[in-house]
Amino acid sequence: MSNQDQNTDFPHRVVISDEERYSIWPTYKAIPLGWRDGGFEGSKQACLDHIAAVWTDMRPLSLRRQIDGDPSVNR
């Protein structure tokens, strides 16, 4: 981990995985494969607060689809 990664004063962004799980990512780094921009940037704490407010169902997307009986989900 670089010194810049240990410093939390730089801006972060909220990212969302293909399974609709949320995380934060430094804005100076490219978003990794399998993740997309969640549409929110700010301080690390602001991003964490945003996630706490919007991520109300912690189940991965594939599990939610399976439970809801989505026929496109392979069982």
Protein backbone atom coordinates (compact mmCIF):
# COMPACT_ATOMS: atom_id res chain seq x y z
CA MET A 1 0.00 0.00 0.00
CA SER A 2 1.42 3.37 -0.97
CA ASN A 3 1.65 6.38 1.34
CA GLN A 4 -1.04 8.04 -0.77
CA ASP A 5 -3.38 5.09 -0.15
CA GLN A 6 -2.87 5.44 3.62
CA ASN A 7 -3.79 9.13 3.54
CA THR A 8 -7.58 9.57 3.50
CA ASP A 9 -7.62 13.33 2.80
CA PHE A 10 -7.98 12.90 -0.97
CA PRO A 11 -11.41 12.55 -2.63
CA HIS A 12 -13.08 9.18 -2.95
CA ARG A 13 -15.93 7.93 -5.07
CA VAL A 14 -18.64 5.39 -4.42
CA VAL A 15 -18.36 2.36 -6.67
CA ILE A 16 -20.83 -0.49 -7.22
CA SER A 17 -19.92 -4.03 -8.23
CA ASP A 18 -21.69 -6.19 -10.79
CA GLU A 19 -23.38 -7.84 -7.79
CA GLU A 20 -24.54 -4.39 -6.62
CA ARG A 21 -22.25 -4.29 -3.61
CA TYR A 22 -20.97 -0.86 -2.62
CA SER A 23 -17.48 0.32 -1.80
CA ILE A 24 -15.31 3.41 -1.95
CA TRP A 25 -12.42 4.00 -4.30
CA PRO A 26 -9.82 6.78 -4.55
CA THR A 27 -10.68 9.19 -7.37
CA TYR A 28 -7.05 9.23 -8.53
CA LYS A 29 -7.25 5.52 -9.43
CA ALA A 30 -9.11 3.95 -12.35
CA ILE A 31 -12.21 2.03 -11.35
CA PRO A 32 -11.38 -1.70 -11.42
CA LEU A 33 -13.04 -4.19 -13.74
CA GLY A 34 -16.33 -5.46 -12.42
CA TRP A 35 -17.15 -2.16 -10.74
CA ARG A 36 -18.87 1.03 -11.96
CA ASP A 37 -19.14 4.60 -10.76
CA GLY A 38 -21.87 4.96 -8.15
CA GLY A 39 -22.43 8.64 -8.89
CA PHE A 40 -21.13 10.09 -5.63
CA GLU A 41 -17.77 11.64 -4.79
CA GLY A 42 -16.49 13.36 -1.68
CA SER A 43 -14.45 12.76 1.43
CA LYS A 44 -13.98 9.20 2.59
CA GLN A 45 -16.48 9.74 5.40
CA ALA A 46 -19.04 11.42 3.10
CA CYS A 47 -18.84 8.41 0.77
CA LEU A 48 -19.28 5.99 3.66
CA ASP A 49 -22.25 8.01 4.92
CA HIS A 50 -23.79 7.95 1.43
CA ILE A 51 -23.38 4.17 1.23
CA ALA A 52 -24.99 3.75 4.65
CA ALA A 53 -28.00 5.75 3.43
CA VAL A 54 -28.51 4.06 0.05
CA TRP A 55 -27.33 0.45 0.45
CA THR A 56 -30.34 -0.90 2.27
CA ASP A 57 -30.26 -4.51 1.03
CA MET A 58 -26.88 -6.15 1.59
CA ARG A 59 -27.72 -9.31 -0.34
CA PRO A 60 -25.81 -9.73 -3.61
CA LEU A 61 -27.88 -9.19 -6.77
CA SER A 62 -27.72 -12.86 -7.78
CA LEU A 63 -29.16 -13.94 -4.41
CA ARG A 64 -31.95 -11.35 -4.57
CA ARG A 65 -32.86 -12.55 -8.06
CA GLN A 66 -32.84 -16.18 -6.97
CA ILE A 67 -35.05 -15.49 -3.95
CA ASP A 68 -37.43 -13.37 -6.04
CA GLY A 69 -37.79 -16.26 -8.52
CA ASP A 70 -36.12 -14.54 -11.48
CA PRO A 71 -36.16 -17.18 -14.26
CA SER A 72 -32.92 -15.80 -15.75
CA VAL A 73 -30.94 -17.01 -12.74
CA ASN A 74 -29.27 -20.40 -13.20
CA ARG A 75 -29.82 -22.66 -10.25
